[in-house]
Full PDB file with SEQRES, HELIX, SHEET, SSBOND, CRYST1, ORIGX, SCALE, CONECT and MASTER records, all heavy atoms in Angstrom:
SEQRES   1 A   39  SER ARG LYS ALA ALA ALA GLU LEU ARG THR ARG ILE THR          
SEQRES   2 A   39  ALA ARG ILE GLY ARG THR VAL ARG GLU PRO VAL ALA ARG          
SEQRES   3 A   39  THR PHE HIS SER TYR ALA PHE GLY VAL LEU HIS ARG ALA          
HELIX    1 AA1 ARG A    2  ILE A   16  1                                  15    
HELIX    2 AA2 PHE A   28  ARG A   38  1                                  11    
CRYST1    1.000    1.000    1.000  90.00  90.00  90.00 P 1           1          
ORIGX1      1.000000  0.000000  0.000000        0.00000                         
ORIGX2      0.000000  1.000000  0.000000        0.00000                         
ORIGX3      0.000000  0.000000  1.000000        0.00000                         
SCALE1      1.000000  0.000000  0.000000        0.00000                         
SCALE2      0.000000  1.000000  0.000000        0.00000                         
SCALE3      0.000000  0.000000  1.000000        0.00000                         
ATOM      1  N   SER A   1       0.889  -1.196   0.021  1.00  0.00           N  
ATOM      2  CA  SER A   1      -0.077   0.051   0.023  1.00  0.00           C  
ATOM      3  C   SER A   1       0.895   1.196  -0.016  1.00  0.00           C  
ATOM      4  O   SER A   1       2.003   1.283   0.531  1.00  0.00           O  
ATOM      5  CB  SER A   1      -0.939   0.019   1.281  1.00  0.00           C  
ATOM      6  OG  SER A   1      -0.158   0.261   2.425  1.00  0.00           O  
ATOM      7  N   ARG A   2       0.337   2.305  -0.491  1.00  0.00           N  
ATOM      8  CA  ARG A   2       1.045   3.547  -0.545  1.00  0.00           C  
ATOM      9  C   ARG A   2       1.295   4.113   0.776  1.00  0.00           C  
ATOM     10  O   ARG A   2       2.368   4.661   1.104  1.00  0.00           O  
ATOM     11  CB  ARG A   2       0.313   4.639  -1.435  1.00  0.00           C  
ATOM     12  CG  ARG A   2       0.203   4.365  -2.887  1.00  0.00           C  
ATOM     13  CD  ARG A   2      -0.426   5.514  -3.618  1.00  0.00           C  
ATOM     14  NE  ARG A   2      -1.729   5.762  -3.143  1.00  0.00           N  
ATOM     15  CZ  ARG A   2      -2.873   5.225  -3.720  1.00  0.00           C  
ATOM     16  NH1 ARG A   2      -2.756   4.345  -4.707  1.00  0.00           N  
ATOM     17  NH2 ARG A   2      -4.073   5.488  -3.252  1.00  0.00           N  
ATOM     18  N   LYS A   3       0.423   3.802   1.695  1.00  0.00           N  
ATOM     19  CA  LYS A   3       0.471   4.350   3.081  1.00  0.00           C  
ATOM     20  C   LYS A   3       1.700   3.590   3.781  1.00  0.00           C  
ATOM     21  O   LYS A   3       2.510   4.238   4.429  1.00  0.00           O  
ATOM     22  CB  LYS A   3      -0.768   4.112   3.840  1.00  0.00           C  
ATOM     23  CG  LYS A   3      -0.785   4.611   5.254  1.00  0.00           C  
ATOM     24  CD  LYS A   3      -2.098   4.424   5.916  1.00  0.00           C  
ATOM     25  CE  LYS A   3      -2.167   4.905   7.327  1.00  0.00           C  
ATOM     26  NZ  LYS A   3      -3.466   4.743   7.956  1.00  0.00           N  
ATOM     27  N   ALA A   4       1.803   2.231   3.637  1.00  0.00           N  
ATOM     28  CA  ALA A   4       2.852   1.503   4.259  1.00  0.00           C  
ATOM     29  C   ALA A   4       4.200   1.866   3.610  1.00  0.00           C  
ATOM     30  O   ALA A   4       5.195   1.980   4.301  1.00  0.00           O  
ATOM     31  CB  ALA A   4       2.604   0.038   3.983  1.00  0.00           C  
ATOM     32  N   ALA A   5       4.229   2.108   2.301  1.00  0.00           N  
ATOM     33  CA  ALA A   5       5.519   2.574   1.662  1.00  0.00           C  
ATOM     34  C   ALA A   5       5.958   3.858   2.111  1.00  0.00           C  
ATOM     35  O   ALA A   5       7.200   4.056   2.436  1.00  0.00           O  
ATOM     36  CB  ALA A   5       5.324   2.588   0.104  1.00  0.00           C  
ATOM     37  N   ALA A   6       5.041   4.869   2.347  1.00  0.00           N  
ATOM     38  CA  ALA A   6       5.387   6.088   2.808  1.00  0.00           C  
ATOM     39  C   ALA A   6       5.921   6.053   4.205  1.00  0.00           C  
ATOM     40  O   ALA A   6       6.908   6.778   4.582  1.00  0.00           O  
ATOM     41  CB  ALA A   6       4.179   7.040   2.727  1.00  0.00           C  
ATOM     42  N   GLU A   7       5.340   5.163   5.085  1.00  0.00           N  
ATOM     43  CA  GLU A   7       5.772   5.047   6.487  1.00  0.00           C  
ATOM     44  C   GLU A   7       7.163   4.459   6.479  1.00  0.00           C  
ATOM     45  O   GLU A   7       8.068   4.942   7.215  1.00  0.00           O  
ATOM     46  CB  GLU A   7       4.843   4.142   7.224  1.00  0.00           C  
ATOM     47  CG  GLU A   7       5.289   3.964   8.749  1.00  0.00           C  
ATOM     48  CD  GLU A   7       4.476   2.924   9.420  1.00  0.00           C  
ATOM     49  OE1 GLU A   7       3.431   2.455   8.852  1.00  0.00           O  
ATOM     50  OE2 GLU A   7       4.769   2.627  10.662  1.00  0.00           O  
ATOM     51  N   LEU A   8       7.394   3.459   5.627  1.00  0.00           N  
ATOM     52  CA  LEU A   8       8.781   2.954   5.572  1.00  0.00           C  
ATOM     53  C   LEU A   8       9.798   3.854   5.099  1.00  0.00           C  
ATOM     54  O   LEU A   8      10.882   4.015   5.682  1.00  0.00           O  
ATOM     55  CB  LEU A   8       8.700   1.634   4.636  1.00  0.00           C  
ATOM     56  CG  LEU A   8       8.224   0.291   5.254  1.00  0.00           C  
ATOM     57  CD1 LEU A   8       7.907  -0.594   4.148  1.00  0.00           C  
ATOM     58  CD2 LEU A   8       9.204  -0.190   6.260  1.00  0.00           C  
ATOM     59  N   ARG A   9       9.446   4.687   4.084  1.00  0.00           N  
ATOM     60  CA  ARG A   9      10.401   5.678   3.595  1.00  0.00           C  
ATOM     61  C   ARG A   9      10.815   6.663   4.737  1.00  0.00           C  
ATOM     62  O   ARG A   9      11.980   6.987   4.873  1.00  0.00           O  
ATOM     63  CB  ARG A   9       9.843   6.359   2.353  1.00  0.00           C  
ATOM     64  CG  ARG A   9       9.856   5.585   1.057  1.00  0.00           C  
ATOM     65  CD  ARG A   9       9.590   6.406  -0.117  1.00  0.00           C  
ATOM     66  NE  ARG A   9       8.277   7.044  -0.188  1.00  0.00           N  
ATOM     67  CZ  ARG A   9       7.269   6.530  -0.595  1.00  0.00           C  
ATOM     68  NH1 ARG A   9       7.415   5.294  -1.222  1.00  0.00           N  
ATOM     69  NH2 ARG A   9       6.105   7.238  -0.657  1.00  0.00           N  
ATOM     70  N   THR A  10       9.707   7.083   5.439  1.00  0.00           N  
ATOM     71  CA  THR A  10       9.947   8.181   6.443  1.00  0.00           C  
ATOM     72  C   THR A  10      10.928   7.494   7.596  1.00  0.00           C  
ATOM     73  O   THR A  10      11.779   8.143   8.037  1.00  0.00           O  
ATOM     74  CB  THR A  10       8.607   8.598   6.935  1.00  0.00           C  
ATOM     75  OG1 THR A  10       7.827   9.190   6.011  1.00  0.00           O  
ATOM     76  CG2 THR A  10       8.815   9.587   8.209  1.00  0.00           C  
ATOM     77  N   ARG A  11      10.541   6.306   7.991  1.00  0.00           N  
ATOM     78  CA  ARG A  11      11.293   5.686   9.135  1.00  0.00           C  
ATOM     79  C   ARG A  11      12.663   5.393   8.684  1.00  0.00           C  
ATOM     80  O   ARG A  11      13.665   5.554   9.459  1.00  0.00           O  
ATOM     81  CB  ARG A  11      10.572   4.481   9.635  1.00  0.00           C  
ATOM     82  CG  ARG A  11       9.206   4.806  10.281  1.00  0.00           C  
ATOM     83  CD  ARG A  11       8.433   3.536  10.861  1.00  0.00           C  
ATOM     84  NE  ARG A  11       9.317   2.857  11.702  1.00  0.00           N  
ATOM     85  CZ  ARG A  11       8.870   1.766  12.393  1.00  0.00           C  
ATOM     86  NH1 ARG A  11       7.593   1.290  12.272  1.00  0.00           N  
ATOM     87  NH2 ARG A  11       9.703   1.057  13.265  1.00  0.00           N  
ATOM     88  N   ILE A  12      12.927   4.990   7.425  1.00  0.00           N  
ATOM     89  CA  ILE A  12      14.307   4.565   7.050  1.00  0.00           C  
ATOM     90  C   ILE A  12      15.140   5.863   6.876  1.00  0.00           C  
ATOM     91  O   ILE A  12      16.277   5.869   7.378  1.00  0.00           O  
ATOM     92  CB  ILE A  12      14.175   3.831   5.646  1.00  0.00           C  
ATOM     93  CG1 ILE A  12      13.597   2.444   5.918  1.00  0.00           C  
ATOM     94  CG2 ILE A  12      15.613   3.726   5.092  1.00  0.00           C  
ATOM     95  CD1 ILE A  12      13.362   1.652   4.683  1.00  0.00           C  
ATOM     96  N   THR A  13      14.525   6.903   6.247  1.00  0.00           N  
ATOM     97  CA  THR A  13      15.360   8.192   5.992  1.00  0.00           C  
ATOM     98  C   THR A  13      15.698   8.784   7.387  1.00  0.00           C  
ATOM     99  O   THR A  13      16.771   9.329   7.682  1.00  0.00           O  
ATOM    100  CB  THR A  13      14.673   9.051   5.145  1.00  0.00           C  
ATOM    101  OG1 THR A  13      13.294   9.392   5.600  1.00  0.00           O  
ATOM    102  CG2 THR A  13      14.581   8.575   3.744  1.00  0.00           C  
ATOM    103  N   ALA A  14      14.705   8.675   8.362  1.00  0.00           N  
ATOM    104  CA  ALA A  14      15.002   9.280   9.654  1.00  0.00           C  
ATOM    105  C   ALA A  14      15.987   8.389  10.454  1.00  0.00           C  
ATOM    106  O   ALA A  14      16.907   9.012  11.155  1.00  0.00           O  
ATOM    107  CB  ALA A  14      13.639   9.328  10.418  1.00  0.00           C  
ATOM    108  N   ARG A  15      16.006   7.175  10.242  1.00  0.00           N  
ATOM    109  CA  ARG A  15      16.982   6.203  10.876  1.00  0.00           C  
ATOM    110  C   ARG A  15      18.365   6.457  10.449  1.00  0.00           C  
ATOM    111  O   ARG A  15      19.291   6.425  11.279  1.00  0.00           O  
ATOM    112  CB  ARG A  15      16.513   4.833  10.738  1.00  0.00           C  
ATOM    113  CG  ARG A  15      17.330   3.812  11.353  1.00  0.00           C  
ATOM    114  CD  ARG A  15      17.297   3.883  12.975  1.00  0.00           C  
ATOM    115  NE  ARG A  15      18.097   2.921  13.572  1.00  0.00           N  
ATOM    116  CZ  ARG A  15      19.491   3.074  13.661  1.00  0.00           C  
ATOM    117  NH1 ARG A  15      20.082   4.226  13.280  1.00  0.00           N  
ATOM    118  NH2 ARG A  15      20.176   2.141  14.247  1.00  0.00           N  
ATOM    119  N   ILE A  16      18.564   6.604   9.107  1.00  0.00           N  
ATOM    120  CA  ILE A  16      19.873   6.847   8.509  1.00  0.00           C  
ATOM    121  C   ILE A  16      20.312   8.233   8.598  1.00  0.00           C  
ATOM    122  O   ILE A  16      21.433   8.533   8.310  1.00  0.00           O  
ATOM    123  CB  ILE A  16      20.003   6.129   7.192  1.00  0.00           C  
ATOM    124  CG1 ILE A  16      19.048   6.928   6.180  1.00  0.00           C  
ATOM    125  CG2 ILE A  16      19.689   4.693   7.146  1.00  0.00           C  
ATOM    126  CD1 ILE A  16      19.276   6.399   4.742  1.00  0.00           C  
ATOM    127  N   GLY A  17      19.396   9.186   8.839  1.00  0.00           N  
ATOM    128  CA  GLY A  17      19.737  10.665   8.879  1.00  0.00           C  
ATOM    129  C   GLY A  17      20.114  11.294   7.549  1.00  0.00           C  
ATOM    130  O   GLY A  17      20.846  12.077   7.629  1.00  0.00           O  
ATOM    131  N   ARG A  18      19.557  10.746   6.490  1.00  0.00           N  
ATOM    132  CA  ARG A  18      19.768  11.250   5.211  1.00  0.00           C  
ATOM    133  C   ARG A  18      18.716  10.932   4.227  1.00  0.00           C  
ATOM    134  O   ARG A  18      17.906  10.072   4.502  1.00  0.00           O  
ATOM    135  CB  ARG A  18      21.300  10.733   4.697  1.00  0.00           C  
ATOM    136  CG  ARG A  18      21.263   9.211   4.594  1.00  0.00           C  
ATOM    137  CD  ARG A  18      22.490   8.608   4.147  1.00  0.00           C  
ATOM    138  NE  ARG A  18      22.782   8.756   2.768  1.00  0.00           N  
ATOM    139  CZ  ARG A  18      23.736   8.181   2.104  1.00  0.00           C  
ATOM    140  NH1 ARG A  18      24.590   7.300   2.692  1.00  0.00           N  
ATOM    141  NH2 ARG A  18      23.961   8.406   0.793  1.00  0.00           N  
ATOM    142  N   THR A  19      18.761  11.639   3.127  1.00  0.00           N  
ATOM    143  CA  THR A  19      17.758  11.343   2.010  1.00  0.00           C  
ATOM    144  C   THR A  19      18.547  10.612   0.891  1.00  0.00           C  
ATOM    145  O   THR A  19      19.816  10.725   0.808  1.00  0.00           O  
ATOM    146  CB  THR A  19      17.107  12.631   1.498  1.00  0.00           C  
ATOM    147  OG1 THR A  19      18.202  13.526   0.993  1.00  0.00           O  
ATOM    148  CG2 THR A  19      16.365  13.320   2.627  1.00  0.00           C  
ATOM    149  N   VAL A  20      17.712   9.962   0.055  1.00  0.00           N  
ATOM    150  CA  VAL A  20      18.374   9.275  -1.068  1.00  0.00           C  
ATOM    151  C   VAL A  20      17.550   9.717  -2.380  1.00  0.00           C  
ATOM    152  O   VAL A  20      16.474  10.285  -2.321  1.00  0.00           O  
ATOM    153  CB  VAL A  20      18.161   7.771  -0.921  1.00  0.00           C  
ATOM    154  CG1 VAL A  20      19.003   7.303   0.231  1.00  0.00           C  
ATOM    155  CG2 VAL A  20      16.769   7.308  -0.652  1.00  0.00           C  
ATOM    156  N   ARG A  21      18.239   9.562  -3.452  1.00  0.00           N  
ATOM    157  CA  ARG A  21      17.708  10.073  -4.711  1.00  0.00           C  
ATOM    158  C   ARG A  21      16.448   9.291  -5.177  1.00  0.00           C  
ATOM    159  O   ARG A  21      15.500   9.738  -5.518  1.00  0.00           O  
ATOM    160  CB  ARG A  21      18.742  10.027  -5.846  1.00  0.00           C  
ATOM    161  CG  ARG A  21      18.365  10.527  -7.225  1.00  0.00           C  
ATOM    162  CD  ARG A  21      19.510  10.617  -8.103  1.00  0.00           C  
ATOM    163  NE  ARG A  21      20.151   9.314  -8.347  1.00  0.00           N  
ATOM    164  CZ  ARG A  21      19.622   8.464  -9.252  1.00  0.00           C  
ATOM    165  NH1 ARG A  21      18.735   8.767 -10.043  1.00  0.00           N  
ATOM    166  NH2 ARG A  21      20.358   7.302  -9.330  1.00  0.00           N  
ATOM    167  N   GLU A  22      16.510   7.924  -5.132  1.00  0.00           N  
ATOM    168  CA  GLU A  22      15.373   7.005  -5.405  1.00  0.00           C  
ATOM    169  C   GLU A  22      14.748   6.633  -4.177  1.00  0.00           C  
ATOM    170  O   GLU A  22      15.340   6.450  -3.155  1.00  0.00           O  
ATOM    171  CB  GLU A  22      15.985   5.854  -6.183  1.00  0.00           C  
ATOM    172  CG  GLU A  22      16.385   6.125  -7.595  1.00  0.00           C  
ATOM    173  CD  GLU A  22      15.295   6.355  -8.550  1.00  0.00           C  
ATOM    174  OE1 GLU A  22      14.140   5.900  -8.313  1.00  0.00           O  
ATOM    175  OE2 GLU A  22      15.507   7.089  -9.544  1.00  0.00           O  
ATOM    176  N   PRO A  23      13.403   6.395  -4.255  1.00  0.00           N  
ATOM    177  CA  PRO A  23      12.573   6.006  -3.020  1.00  0.00           C  
ATOM    178  C   PRO A  23      13.134   4.609  -2.627  1.00  0.00           C  
ATOM    179  O   PRO A  23      13.317   3.746  -3.353  1.00  0.00           O  
ATOM    180  CB  PRO A  23      11.178   5.906  -3.583  1.00  0.00           C  
ATOM    181  CG  PRO A  23      11.125   6.824  -4.700  1.00  0.00           C  
ATOM    182  CD  PRO A  23      12.545   6.755  -5.324  1.00  0.00           C  
ATOM    183  N   VAL A  24      13.399   4.526  -1.258  1.00  0.00           N  
ATOM    184  CA  VAL A  24      13.904   3.154  -0.776  1.00  0.00           C  
ATOM    185  C   VAL A  24      12.750   2.190  -0.764  1.00  0.00           C  
ATOM    186  O   VAL A  24      13.018   1.060  -1.050  1.00  0.00           O  
ATOM    187  CB  VAL A  24      14.516   3.410   0.626  1.00  0.00           C  
ATOM    188  CG1 VAL A  24      14.961   2.021   1.184  1.00  0.00           C  
ATOM    189  CG2 VAL A  24      15.682   4.395   0.516  1.00  0.00           C  
ATOM    190  N   ALA A  25      11.577   2.674  -0.350  1.00  0.00           N  
ATOM    191  CA  ALA A  25      10.446   1.800  -0.270  1.00  0.00           C  
ATOM    192  C   ALA A  25       9.367   2.158  -1.241  1.00  0.00           C  
ATOM    193  O   ALA A  25       9.006   3.367  -1.438  1.00  0.00           O  
ATOM    194  CB  ALA A  25       9.823   1.800   1.081  1.00  0.00           C  
ATOM    195  N   ARG A  26       8.854   1.112  -1.966  1.00  0.00           N  
ATOM    196  CA  ARG A  26       7.814   1.462  -3.045  1.00  0.00           C  
ATOM    197  C   ARG A  26       6.781   0.231  -3.002  1.00  0.00           C  
ATOM    198  O   ARG A  26       7.030  -0.791  -2.405  1.00  0.00           O  
ATOM    199  CB  ARG A  26       8.532   1.443  -4.391  1.00  0.00           C  
ATOM    200  CG  ARG A  26       9.666   2.364  -4.541  1.00  0.00           C  
ATOM    201  CD  ARG A  26      10.139   2.493  -5.905  1.00  0.00           C  
ATOM    202  NE  ARG A  26       9.322   3.155  -6.793  1.00  0.00           N  
ATOM    203  CZ  ARG A  26       9.627   3.602  -7.957  1.00  0.00           C  
ATOM    204  NH1 ARG A  26      10.956   3.368  -8.388  1.00  0.00           N  
ATOM    205  NH2 ARG A  26       8.868   4.285  -8.847  1.00  0.00           N  
ATOM    206  N   THR A  27       5.615   0.569  -3.542  1.00  0.00           N  
ATOM    207  CA  THR A  27       4.722  -0.593  -3.734  1.00  0.00           C  
ATOM    208  C   THR A  27       5.129  -1.383  -5.048  1.00  0.00           C  
ATOM    209  O   THR A  27       5.909  -0.847  -5.790  1.00  0.00           O  
ATOM    210  CB  THR A  27       3.226  -0.015  -4.003  1.00  0.00           C  
ATOM    211  OG1 THR A  27       3.229   0.741  -5.272  1.00  0.00           O  
ATOM    212  CG2 THR A  27       2.807   0.914  -2.826  1.00  0.00           C  
ATOM    213  N   PHE A  28       4.578  -2.591  -5.095  1.00  0.00           N  
ATOM    214  CA  PHE A  28       4.854  -3.369  -6.226  1.00  0.00           C  
ATOM    215  C   PHE A  28       4.457  -2.699  -7.514  1.00  0.00           C  
ATOM    216  O   PHE A  28       5.340  -2.780  -8.582  1.00  0.00           O  
ATOM    217  CB  PHE A  28       4.177  -4.677  -6.126  1.00  0.00           C  
ATOM    218  CG  PHE A  28       4.924  -5.834  -5.438  1.00  0.00           C  
ATOM    219  CD1 PHE A  28       4.772  -6.054  -4.049  1.00  0.00           C  
ATOM    220  CD2 PHE A  28       5.787  -6.619  -6.050  1.00  0.00           C  
ATOM    221  CE1 PHE A  28       5.508  -6.972  -3.337  1.00  0.00           C  
ATOM    222  CE2 PHE A  28       6.568  -7.636  -5.398  1.00  0.00           C  
ATOM    223  CZ  PHE A  28       6.352  -7.769  -4.023  1.00  0.00           C  
ATOM    224  N   HIS A  29       3.280  -2.045  -7.568  1.00  0.00           N  
ATOM    225  CA  HIS A  29       2.780  -1.441  -8.718  1.00  0.00           C  
ATOM    226  C   HIS A  29       3.642  -0.237  -9.064  1.00  0.00           C  
ATOM    227  O   HIS A  29       3.895   0.107 -10.257  1.00  0.00           O  
ATOM    228  CB  HIS A  29       1.321  -1.110  -8.635  1.00  0.00           C  
ATOM    229  CG  HIS A  29       0.464  -2.272  -8.472  1.00  0.00           C  
ATOM    230  ND1 HIS A  29       0.064  -2.922  -7.392  1.00  0.00           N  
ATOM    231  CD2 HIS A  29      -0.192  -3.140  -9.601  1.00  0.00           C  
ATOM    232  CE1 HIS A  29      -0.684  -3.871  -7.594  1.00  0.00           C  
ATOM    233  NE2 HIS A  29      -0.796  -4.038  -8.885  1.00  0.00           N  
ATOM    234  N   SER A  30       4.045   0.595  -8.059  1.00  0.00           N  
ATOM    235  CA  SER A  30       4.874   1.715  -8.400  1.00  0.00           C  
ATOM    236  C   SER A  30       6.188   1.308  -8.969  1.00  0.00           C  
ATOM    237  O   SER A  30       6.657   1.964  -9.843  1.00  0.00           O  
ATOM    238  CB  SER A  30       5.061   2.487  -7.013  1.00  0.00           C  
ATOM    239  OG  SER A  30       6.100   3.585  -7.235  1.00  0.00           O  
ATOM    240  N   TYR A  31       6.829   0.264  -8.397  1.00  0.00           N  
ATOM    241  CA  TYR A  31       8.105  -0.161  -8.899  1.00  0.00           C  
ATOM    242  C   TYR A  31       7.899  -0.718 -10.327  1.00  0.00           C  
ATOM    243  O   TYR A  31       8.807  -0.346 -11.157  1.00  0.00           O  
ATOM    244  CB  TYR A  31       8.653  -1.306  -8.061  1.00  0.00           C  
ATOM    245  CG  TYR A  31       9.890  -1.893  -8.660  1.00  0.00           C  
ATOM    246  CD1 TYR A  31      11.146  -1.286  -8.581  1.00  0.00           C  
ATOM    247  CD2 TYR A  31       9.815  -3.136  -9.330  1.00  0.00           C  
ATOM    248  CE1 TYR A  31      12.216  -1.782  -9.179  1.00  0.00           C  
ATOM    249  CE2 TYR A  31      10.955  -3.670  -9.913  1.00  0.00           C  
ATOM    250  CZ  TYR A  31      12.132  -3.053  -9.851  1.00  0.00           C  
ATOM    251  OH  TYR A  31      13.227  -3.573 -10.428  1.00  0.00           O  
ATOM    252  N   ALA A  32       6.874  -1.500 -10.591  1.00  0.00           N  
ATOM    253  CA  ALA A  32       6.679  -1.987 -11.926  1.00  0.00           C  
ATOM    254  C   ALA A  32       6.466  -0.824 -12.876  1.00  0.00           C  
ATOM    255  O   ALA A  32       6.916  -0.926 -14.044  1.00  0.00           O  
ATOM    256  CB  ALA A  32       5.424  -2.939 -11.977  1.00  0.00           C  
ATOM    257  N   PHE A  33       5.690   0.135 -12.546  1.00  0.00           N  
ATOM    258  CA  PHE A  33       5.494   1.306 -13.487  1.00  0.00           C  
ATOM    259  C   PHE A  33       6.858   1.982 -13.745  1.00  0.00           C  
ATOM    260  O   PHE A  33       7.018   2.539 -14.761  1.00  0.00           O  
ATOM    261  CB  PHE A  33       4.499   2.327 -12.717  1.00  0.00           C  
ATOM    262  CG  PHE A  33       4.028   3.446 -13.595  1.00  0.00           C  
ATOM    263  CD1 PHE A  33       3.100   3.187 -14.647  1.00  0.00           C  
ATOM    264  CD2 PHE A  33       4.561   4.743 -13.458  1.00  0.00           C  
ATOM    265  CE1 PHE A  33       2.803   4.204 -15.507  1.00  0.00           C  
ATOM    266  CE2 PHE A  33       4.051   5.764 -14.287  1.00  0.00           C  
ATOM    267  CZ  PHE A  33       3.248   5.464 -15.292  1.00  0.00           C  
ATOM    268  N   GLY A  34       7.692   2.122 -12.631  1.00  0.00           N  
ATOM    269  CA  GLY A  34       8.949   2.661 -12.875  1.00  0.00           C  
ATOM    270  C   GLY A  34       9.819   1.942 -13.903  1.00  0.00           C  
ATOM    271  O   GLY A  34      10.526   2.435 -14.716  1.00  0.00           O  
ATOM    272  N   VAL A  35       9.764   0.507 -13.831  1.00  0.00           N  
ATOM    273  CA  VAL A  35      10.395  -0.256 -14.831  1.00  0.00           C  
ATOM    274  C   VAL A  35       9.906  -0.019 -16.278  1.00  0.00           C  
ATOM    275  O   VAL A  35      10.654   0.188 -17.178  1.00  0.00           O  
ATOM    276  CB  VAL A  35      10.187  -1.799 -14.536  1.00  0.00           C  
ATOM    277  CG1 VAL A  35      10.827  -2.649 -15.657  1.00  0.00           C  
ATOM    278  CG2 VAL A  35      10.929  -2.123 -13.207  1.00  0.00           C  
ATOM    279  N   LEU A  36       8.525   0.182 -16.452  1.00  0.00           N  
ATOM    280  CA  LEU A  36       8.056   0.415 -17.717  1.00  0.00           C  
ATOM    281  C   LEU A  36       8.463   1.860 -18.199  1.00  0.00           C  
ATOM    282  O   LEU A  36       8.702   2.019 -19.341  1.00  0.00           O  
ATOM    283  CB  LEU A  36       6.549   0.318 -17.656  1.00  0.00           C  
ATOM    284  CG  LEU A  36       5.935  -1.078 -17.326  1.00  0.00           C  
ATOM    285  CD1 LEU A  36       4.461  -1.023 -17.320  1.00  0.00           C  
ATOM    286  CD2 LEU A  36       6.361  -2.079 -18.393  1.00  0.00           C  
ATOM    287  N   HIS A  37       8.563   2.785 -17.141  1.00  0.00           N  
ATOM    288  CA  HIS A  37       8.943   4.079 -17.561  1.00  0.00           C  
ATOM    289  C   HIS A  37      10.394   4.171 -18.050  1.00  0.00           C  
ATOM    290  O   HIS A  37      10.775   4.746 -19.123  1.00  0.00           O  
ATOM    291  CB  HIS A  37       8.816   5.031 -16.410  1.00  0.00           C  
ATOM    292  CG  HIS A  37       8.746   6.464 -16.720  1.00  0.00           C  
ATOM    293  ND1 HIS A  37       9.927   7.201 -17.012  1.00  0.00           N  
ATOM    294  CD2 HIS A  37       7.787   7.361 -16.858  1.00  0.00           C  
ATOM    295  CE1 HIS A  37       9.691   8.385 -17.264  1.00  0.00           C  
ATOM    296  NE2 HIS A  37       8.383   8.584 -17.192  1.00  0.00           N  
ATOM    297  N   ARG A  38      11.246   3.439 -17.394  1.00  0.00           N  
ATOM    298  CA  ARG A  38      12.660   3.352 -17.781  1.00  0.00           C  
ATOM    299  C   ARG A  38      12.862   2.630 -19.209  1.00  0.00           C  
ATOM    300  O   ARG A  38      13.728   3.000 -19.894  1.00  0.00           O  
ATOM    301  CB  ARG A  38      13.532   2.677 -16.632  1.00  0.00           C  
ATOM    302  CG  ARG A  38      13.707   3.561 -15.384  1.00  0.00           C  
ATOM    303  CD  ARG A  38      14.639   2.967 -14.423  1.00  0.00           C  
ATOM    304  NE  ARG A  38      14.081   1.875 -13.652  1.00  0.00           N  
ATOM    305  CZ  ARG A  38      13.344   1.967 -12.627  1.00  0.00           C  
ATOM    306  NH1 ARG A  38      13.106   3.180 -12.138  1.00  0.00           N  
ATOM    307  NH2 ARG A  38      12.787   0.903 -11.990  1.00  0.00           N  
ATOM    308  N   ALA A  39      12.088   1.593 -19.304  1.00  0.00           N  
ATOM    309  CA  ALA A  39      12.197   0.850 -20.535  1.00  0.00           C  
ATOM    310  C   ALA A  39      11.846   1.745 -21.726  1.00  0.00           C  
ATOM    311  O   ALA A  39      12.421   1.714 -22.831  1.00  0.00           O  
ATOM    312  CB  ALA A  39      11.360  -0.434 -20.492  1.00  0.00           C  
TER     313      ALA A  39                                                      
MASTER        0    0    0    2    0    0    0    6  312    1    0    3          
END                                                                             
């Protein structure tokens, strides 16, 4: 779910104390859409 992915991203970035260029946590559908976009 988007809600679960957003919570994971928030907690991971807070835990490591930094941001990253690509989302660390994504839904299956969001990741698959990203693959199609890159292709």
